[in-house]
Amino acid sequence: MKYIIVSFIFFINVETMAKQISDLNWEKRLVIISFEDKKGEIFLSSQKFIQENGCAANDRNVQFIFFEKFKNTEFETPKFISNEFGIWLIGYDGSIKDYSKDNKIFLRLFNLIDSMPIRQNEIKNDKC
């Protein structure tokens, strides 16, 4: 009796397994945070904002996605980051609604979202 051993080698490109942020279009509003390191102002102020405003962000259906040095294990790096550090607000439609190189975006974030037409209908169901 002869046995044949067959082996297969699969090469998996990890980047192709990563999701596109566009996969979240019409499901979530996104705040994309691109930062250099976890000791920097952008990261620390983002963490503080999320901690202090979690309920309000949830009511507005906001998902925060962090890119450290332009990398994220779950999502491909969007082209608009283009080696830029900062914070972007992405609407349901996938378009950039606001951008800031620093944390000043957080001063206007909820007002901007609340002025959006779809948000006007959502306000009726706020829990905060």
N, C-alpha and C. Protein backbone atom coordinates (compact mmCIF):
# COMPACT_ATOMS: atom_id res chain seq x y z
N MET A 1 0.84 -1.17 0.00
CA MET A 1 0.00 0.00 0.00
C MET A 1 0.90 1.24 0.00
N LYS A 2 0.62 2.16 -0.90
CA LYS A 2 1.39 3.38 -0.99
C LYS A 2 0.55 4.55 -0.48
N TYR A 3 1.22 5.44 0.17
CA TYR A 3 0.55 6.63 0.69
C TYR A 3 1.13 7.85 0.00
N ILE A 4 0.29 8.75 -0.30
CA ILE A 4 0.72 10.02 -0.90
C ILE A 4 0.44 11.11 0.12
N ILE A 5 1.44 11.85 0.41
CA ILE A 5 1.27 12.97 1.34
C ILE A 5 1.14 14.24 0.50
N VAL A 6 0.07 14.90 0.74
CA VAL A 6 -0.20 16.14 0.03
C VAL A 6 -0.24 17.25 1.06
N SER A 7 0.47 18.28 0.82
CA SER A 7 0.42 19.43 1.73
C SER A 7 0.13 20.69 0.92
N PHE A 8 -0.51 21.57 1.57
CA PHE A 8 -0.84 22.84 0.95
C PHE A 8 -0.24 23.96 1.80
N ILE A 9 0.27 24.93 1.14
CA ILE A 9 0.80 26.09 1.84
C ILE A 9 -0.07 27.27 1.43
N PHE A 10 -0.60 27.92 2.44
CA PHE A 10 -1.43 29.09 2.18
C PHE A 10 -0.69 30.32 2.71
N PHE A 11 -0.64 31.30 1.90
CA PHE A 11 -0.09 32.57 2.34
C PHE A 11 -1.27 33.52 2.51
N ILE A 12 -1.37 34.04 3.69
CA ILE A 12 -2.49 34.94 3.97
C ILE A 12 -1.93 36.33 4.19
N ASN A 13 -2.40 37.23 3.43
CA ASN A 13 -2.03 38.62 3.60
C ASN A 13 -2.92 39.21 4.68
N VAL A 14 -2.34 39.53 5.81
CA VAL A 14 -3.12 40.03 6.94
C VAL A 14 -3.85 41.32 6.57
N GLU A 15 -3.25 42.14 5.73
CA GLU A 15 -3.90 43.40 5.37
C GLU A 15 -5.20 43.17 4.61
N THR A 16 -5.28 42.10 3.82
CA THR A 16 -6.51 41.87 3.08
C THR A 16 -7.62 41.37 4.00
N MET A 17 -7.24 40.88 5.19
CA MET A 17 -8.24 40.43 6.15
C MET A 17 -8.84 41.61 6.91
N ALA A 18 -8.13 42.73 6.93
CA ALA A 18 -8.60 43.90 7.65
C ALA A 18 -9.82 44.48 6.94
N LYS A 19 -10.74 44.99 7.74
CA LYS A 19 -11.94 45.60 7.19
C LYS A 19 -11.64 47.03 6.73
N GLN A 20 -12.45 47.49 5.85
CA GLN A 20 -12.42 48.88 5.42
C GLN A 20 -13.33 49.67 6.37
N ILE A 21 -12.97 50.91 6.65
CA ILE A 21 -13.89 51.70 7.47
C ILE A 21 -15.20 51.94 6.71
N SER A 22 -15.14 51.86 5.39
CA SER A 22 -16.36 52.03 4.59
C SER A 22 -17.36 50.89 4.84
N ASP A 23 -16.90 49.78 5.43
CA ASP A 23 -17.82 48.70 5.79
C ASP A 23 -18.83 49.16 6.83
N LEU A 24 -18.52 50.26 7.52
CA LEU A 24 -19.41 50.78 8.56
C LEU A 24 -20.32 51.90 8.05
N ASN A 25 -20.23 52.22 6.75
CA ASN A 25 -21.12 53.25 6.20
C ASN A 25 -22.57 52.89 6.46
N TRP A 26 -23.34 53.89 6.85
CA TRP A 26 -24.77 53.79 7.13
C TRP A 26 -25.07 52.97 8.39
N GLU A 27 -24.02 52.54 9.11
CA GLU A 27 -24.22 51.85 10.40
C GLU A 27 -23.75 52.69 11.57
N LYS A 28 -22.65 53.39 11.39
CA LYS A 28 -22.03 54.15 12.48
C LYS A 28 -21.50 55.47 11.96
N ARG A 29 -21.47 56.45 12.87
CA ARG A 29 -20.66 57.64 12.65
C ARG A 29 -19.30 57.27 13.24
N LEU A 30 -18.24 57.70 12.60
CA LEU A 30 -16.91 57.31 13.05
C LEU A 30 -16.10 58.52 13.47
N VAL A 31 -15.34 58.33 14.53
CA VAL A 31 -14.30 59.28 14.88
C VAL A 31 -13.00 58.51 14.73
N ILE A 32 -12.22 58.91 13.74
CA ILE A 32 -10.95 58.26 13.44
C ILE A 32 -9.85 59.07 14.11
N ILE A 33 -9.07 58.40 14.92
CA ILE A 33 -8.01 59.06 15.68
C ILE A 33 -6.67 58.47 15.25
N SER A 34 -5.86 59.29 14.63
CA SER A 34 -4.53 58.88 14.17
C SER A 34 -3.51 59.57 15.08
N PHE A 35 -2.74 58.75 15.80
CA PHE A 35 -1.82 59.31 16.79
C PHE A 35 -0.46 58.65 16.69
N GLU A 36 0.54 59.36 17.23
CA GLU A 36 1.92 58.84 17.14
C GLU A 36 2.22 57.84 18.25
N ASP A 37 1.86 58.18 19.49
CA ASP A 37 2.09 57.24 20.59
C ASP A 37 1.08 57.50 21.71
N LYS A 38 0.97 56.56 22.61
CA LYS A 38 -0.05 56.62 23.66
C LYS A 38 0.26 57.63 24.75
N LYS A 39 1.39 58.28 24.68
CA LYS A 39 1.72 59.34 25.63
C LYS A 39 1.42 60.72 25.06
N GLY A 40 1.01 60.75 23.80
CA GLY A 40 0.76 62.02 23.12
C GLY A 40 -0.60 62.61 23.44
N GLU A 41 -0.74 63.89 23.19
CA GLU A 41 -1.95 64.65 23.51
C GLU A 41 -3.19 64.12 22.77
N ILE A 42 -3.04 63.77 21.51
CA ILE A 42 -4.21 63.30 20.75
C ILE A 42 -4.79 62.05 21.39
N PHE A 43 -3.95 61.08 21.70
CA PHE A 43 -4.43 59.83 22.30
C PHE A 43 -5.02 60.09 23.68
N LEU A 44 -4.30 60.80 24.53
CA LEU A 44 -4.75 61.02 25.91
C LEU A 44 -6.05 61.82 25.96
N SER A 45 -6.15 62.86 25.16
CA SER A 45 -7.38 63.67 25.18
C SER A 45 -8.55 62.88 24.60
N SER A 46 -8.29 62.01 23.63
CA SER A 46 -9.34 61.16 23.07
C SER A 46 -9.86 60.19 24.12
N GLN A 47 -8.97 59.58 24.85
CA GLN A 47 -9.36 58.65 25.90
C GLN A 47 -10.19 59.36 26.97
N LYS A 48 -9.77 60.55 27.34
CA LYS A 48 -10.51 61.33 28.35
C LYS A 48 -11.90 61.69 27.83
N PHE A 49 -11.98 62.12 26.57
CA PHE A 49 -13.27 62.47 25.99
C PHE A 49 -14.22 61.27 25.98
N ILE A 50 -13.72 60.13 25.57
CA ILE A 50 -14.55 58.92 25.52
C ILE A 50 -15.03 58.55 26.92
N GLN A 51 -14.13 58.62 27.89
CA GLN A 51 -14.49 58.28 29.26
C GLN A 51 -15.57 59.22 29.82
N GLU A 52 -15.45 60.49 29.53
CA GLU A 52 -16.38 61.48 30.07
C GLU A 52 -17.67 61.60 29.27
N ASN A 53 -17.68 61.14 28.03
CA ASN A 53 -18.84 61.35 27.14
C ASN A 53 -19.32 60.07 26.47
N GLY A 54 -19.07 58.93 27.09
CA GLY A 54 -19.43 57.65 26.49
C GLY A 54 -20.90 57.51 26.16
N CYS A 55 -21.76 57.89 27.10
CA CYS A 55 -23.21 57.75 26.88
C CYS A 55 -23.66 58.66 25.73
N ALA A 56 -23.19 59.89 25.73
CA ALA A 56 -23.57 60.83 24.67
C ALA A 56 -23.06 60.35 23.31
N ALA A 57 -21.87 59.78 23.27
CA ALA A 57 -21.34 59.24 22.02
C ALA A 57 -22.17 58.04 21.56
N ASN A 58 -22.55 57.18 22.50
CA ASN A 58 -23.39 56.03 22.14
C ASN A 58 -24.74 56.48 21.60
N ASP A 59 -25.34 57.49 22.21
CA ASP A 59 -26.62 58.01 21.73
C ASP A 59 -26.51 58.54 20.30
N ARG A 60 -25.34 59.03 19.96
CA ARG A 60 -25.12 59.57 18.62
C ARG A 60 -24.56 58.51 17.67
N ASN A 61 -24.49 57.26 18.13
CA ASN A 61 -24.04 56.13 17.32
C ASN A 61 -22.63 56.35 16.77
N VAL A 62 -21.74 56.80 17.66
CA VAL A 62 -20.36 57.09 17.29
C VAL A 62 -19.47 55.93 17.69
N GLN A 63 -18.63 55.50 16.77
CA GLN A 63 -17.61 54.50 17.05
C GLN A 63 -16.24 55.17 16.88
N PHE A 64 -15.39 55.00 17.87
CA PHE A 64 -14.04 55.54 17.84
C PHE A 64 -13.09 54.46 17.33
N ILE A 65 -12.26 54.83 16.36
CA ILE A 65 -11.28 53.89 15.80
C ILE A 65 -9.91 54.56 15.85
N PHE A 66 -8.98 53.88 16.48
CA PHE A 66 -7.64 54.42 16.69
C PHE A 66 -6.63 53.81 15.72
N PHE A 67 -5.77 54.66 15.18
CA PHE A 67 -4.66 54.24 14.33
C PHE A 67 -3.37 54.75 14.96
N GLU A 68 -2.60 53.84 15.53
CA GLU A 68 -1.32 54.22 16.12
C GLU A 68 -0.25 54.09 15.04
N LYS A 69 0.42 55.20 14.78
CA LYS A 69 1.43 55.24 13.70
C LYS A 69 0.85 54.68 12.41
N PHE A 70 -0.41 55.05 12.14
CA PHE A 70 -1.12 54.72 10.90
C PHE A 70 -1.48 53.25 10.77
N LYS A 71 -1.50 52.52 11.86
CA LYS A 71 -1.83 51.09 11.85
C LYS A 71 -2.97 50.80 12.82
N ASN A 72 -3.79 49.83 12.43
CA ASN A 72 -4.88 49.32 13.26
C ASN A 72 -5.01 47.84 12.93
N THR A 73 -5.18 47.01 13.93
CA THR A 73 -5.23 45.57 13.68
C THR A 73 -6.54 45.12 13.05
N GLU A 74 -7.59 45.92 13.18
CA GLU A 74 -8.90 45.52 12.67
C GLU A 74 -9.26 46.16 11.33
N PHE A 75 -8.76 47.38 11.10
CA PHE A 75 -9.15 48.14 9.90
C PHE A 75 -7.93 48.52 9.08
N GLU A 76 -8.12 48.56 7.77
CA GLU A 76 -7.10 49.10 6.89
C GLU A 76 -7.01 50.60 7.12
N THR A 77 -5.84 51.14 6.92
CA THR A 77 -5.64 52.57 7.10
C THR A 77 -6.28 53.31 5.93
N PRO A 78 -7.23 54.22 6.24
CA PRO A 78 -7.87 54.97 5.15
C PRO A 78 -6.87 55.89 4.44
N LYS A 79 -7.09 56.09 3.17
CA LYS A 79 -6.19 56.92 2.37
C LYS A 79 -6.15 58.37 2.86
N PHE A 80 -7.26 58.86 3.42
CA PHE A 80 -7.29 60.26 3.82
C PHE A 80 -6.33 60.56 4.97
N ILE A 81 -5.92 59.55 5.71
CA ILE A 81 -4.96 59.80 6.79
C ILE A 81 -3.62 60.25 6.20
N SER A 82 -3.17 59.63 5.13
CA SER A 82 -1.96 60.04 4.39
C SER A 82 -0.85 60.53 5.31
N ASN A 83 -0.46 59.69 6.24
CA ASN A 83 0.61 60.02 7.18
C ASN A 83 0.33 61.28 7.99
N GLU A 84 -0.94 61.51 8.28
CA GLU A 84 -1.37 62.66 9.10
C GLU A 84 -1.82 62.17 10.46
N PHE A 85 -1.42 62.89 11.48
CA PHE A 85 -1.97 62.65 12.81
C PHE A 85 -3.09 63.65 13.01
N GLY A 86 -4.16 63.22 13.64
CA GLY A 86 -5.29 64.10 13.89
C GLY A 86 -6.55 63.30 14.16
N ILE A 87 -7.68 64.00 14.12
CA ILE A 87 -8.96 63.39 14.44
C ILE A 87 -9.96 63.79 13.35
N TRP A 88 -10.65 62.78 12.79
CA TRP A 88 -11.63 62.98 11.74
C TRP A 88 -12.99 62.50 12.21
N LEU A 89 -14.03 63.24 11.84
CA LEU A 89 -15.42 62.79 12.01
C LEU A 89 -15.90 62.34 10.64
N ILE A 90 -16.36 61.10 10.57
CA ILE A 90 -16.87 60.52 9.32
C ILE A 90 -18.36 60.27 9.51
N GLY A 91 -19.18 60.79 8.60
CA GLY A 91 -20.62 60.63 8.70
C GLY A 91 -21.08 59.26 8.23
N TYR A 92 -22.37 59.00 8.41
CA TYR A 92 -22.95 57.73 7.96
C TYR A 92 -22.64 57.44 6.50
N ASP A 93 -22.60 58.50 5.69
CA ASP A 93 -22.38 58.33 4.25
C ASP A 93 -20.92 58.08 3.88
N GLY A 94 -20.03 58.10 4.88
CA GLY A 94 -18.62 57.83 4.63
C GLY A 94 -17.80 59.06 4.30
N SER A 95 -18.43 60.22 4.28
CA SER A 95 -17.68 61.43 3.95
C SER A 95 -17.13 62.09 5.23
N ILE A 96 -16.03 62.81 5.04
CA ILE A 96 -15.40 63.52 6.15
C ILE A 96 -16.24 64.75 6.46
N LYS A 97 -16.70 64.83 7.71
CA LYS A 97 -17.53 65.96 8.13
C LYS A 97 -16.71 67.01 8.87
N ASP A 98 -15.59 66.60 9.48
CA ASP A 98 -14.75 67.53 10.21
C ASP A 98 -13.38 66.89 10.42
N TYR A 99 -12.39 67.74 10.63
CA TYR A 99 -11.02 67.28 10.88
C TYR A 99 -10.33 68.29 11.77
N SER A 100 -9.47 67.78 12.64
CA SER A 100 -8.65 68.65 13.47
C SER A 100 -7.32 67.98 13.71
N LYS A 101 -6.26 68.76 13.72
CA LYS A 101 -4.93 68.21 14.01
C LYS A 101 -4.74 68.01 15.51
N ASP A 102 -5.67 68.51 16.30
CA ASP A 102 -5.56 68.39 17.75
C ASP A 102 -6.93 68.03 18.33
N ASN A 103 -7.07 68.15 19.63
CA ASN A 103 -8.31 67.74 20.29
C ASN A 103 -9.42 68.78 20.24
N LYS A 104 -9.24 69.87 19.55
CA LYS A 104 -10.27 70.92 19.49
C LYS A 104 -11.56 70.44 18.82
N ILE A 105 -11.47 69.40 18.04
CA ILE A 105 -12.66 68.84 17.39
C ILE A 105 -13.69 68.41 18.43
N PHE A 106 -13.22 67.99 19.61
CA PHE A 106 -14.13 67.52 20.65
C PHE A 106 -15.01 68.64 21.20
N LEU A 107 -14.59 69.89 21.06
CA LEU A 107 -15.40 71.03 21.52
C LEU A 107 -16.64 71.22 20.65
N ARG A 108 -16.58 70.79 19.41
CA ARG A 108 -17.70 71.01 18.47
C ARG A 108 -18.34 69.71 17.98
N LEU A 109 -17.81 68.57 18.39
CA LEU A 109 -18.22 67.29 17.84
C LEU A 109 -19.72 67.05 17.97
N PHE A 110 -20.27 67.13 19.17
CA PHE A 110 -21.68 66.81 19.37
C PHE A 110 -22.59 67.84 18.73
N ASN A 111 -22.20 69.11 18.74
CA ASN A 111 -23.02 70.12 18.06
C ASN A 111 -23.08 69.86 16.56
N LEU A 112 -21.96 69.49 15.98
CA LEU A 112 -21.94 69.19 14.55
C LEU A 112 -22.81 67.98 14.23
N ILE A 113 -22.65 66.91 15.00
CA ILE A 113 -23.47 65.72 14.78
C ILE A 113 -24.95 66.04 14.95
N ASP A 114 -25.28 66.80 16.00
CA ASP A 114 -26.68 67.13 16.28
C ASP A 114 -27.31 68.00 15.20
N SER A 115 -26.49 68.68 14.41
CA SER A 115 -27.04 69.51 13.34
C SER A 115 -27.31 68.71 12.06
N MET A 116 -26.89 67.45 12.02
CA MET A 116 -27.08 66.62 10.83
C MET A 116 -28.54 66.17 10.73
N PRO A 117 -29.10 66.15 9.50
CA PRO A 117 -30.52 65.81 9.32
C PRO A 117 -30.92 64.45 9.90
N ILE A 118 -30.12 63.42 9.69
CA ILE A 118 -30.48 62.10 10.22
C ILE A 118 -30.49 62.14 11.75
N ARG A 119 -29.57 62.89 12.31
CA ARG A 119 -29.49 62.98 13.77
C ARG A 119 -30.76 63.62 14.35
N GLN A 120 -31.37 64.53 13.64
CA GLN A 120 -32.58 65.17 14.13
C GLN A 120 -33.67 64.14 14.44
N ASN A 121 -33.76 63.11 13.62
CA ASN A 121 -34.73 62.04 13.88
C ASN A 121 -34.30 61.16 15.04
N GLU A 122 -33.01 60.99 15.22
CA GLU A 122 -32.51 60.14 16.30
C GLU A 122 -32.66 60.77 17.67
N ILE A 123 -32.67 62.09 17.73
CA ILE A 123 -32.72 62.79 19.02
C ILE A 123 -33.90 62.36 19.86
N LYS A 124 -34.98 61.98 19.23
CA LYS A 124 -36.18 61.56 19.95
C LYS A 124 -35.93 60.35 20.84
N ASN A 125 -34.92 59.56 20.53
CA ASN A 125 -34.64 58.33 21.27
C ASN A 125 -33.44 58.43 22.21
N ASP A 126 -32.95 59.64 22.47
CA ASP A 126 -31.79 59.80 23.34
C ASP A 126 -32.03 59.19 24.71
N LYS A 127 -30.96 58.62 25.26
CA LYS A 127 -31.04 58.00 26.57
C LYS A 127 -30.26 58.75 27.63
N CYS A 128 -29.49 59.75 27.25
CA CYS A 128 -28.67 60.51 28.21
C CYS A 128 -29.33 61.83 28.55
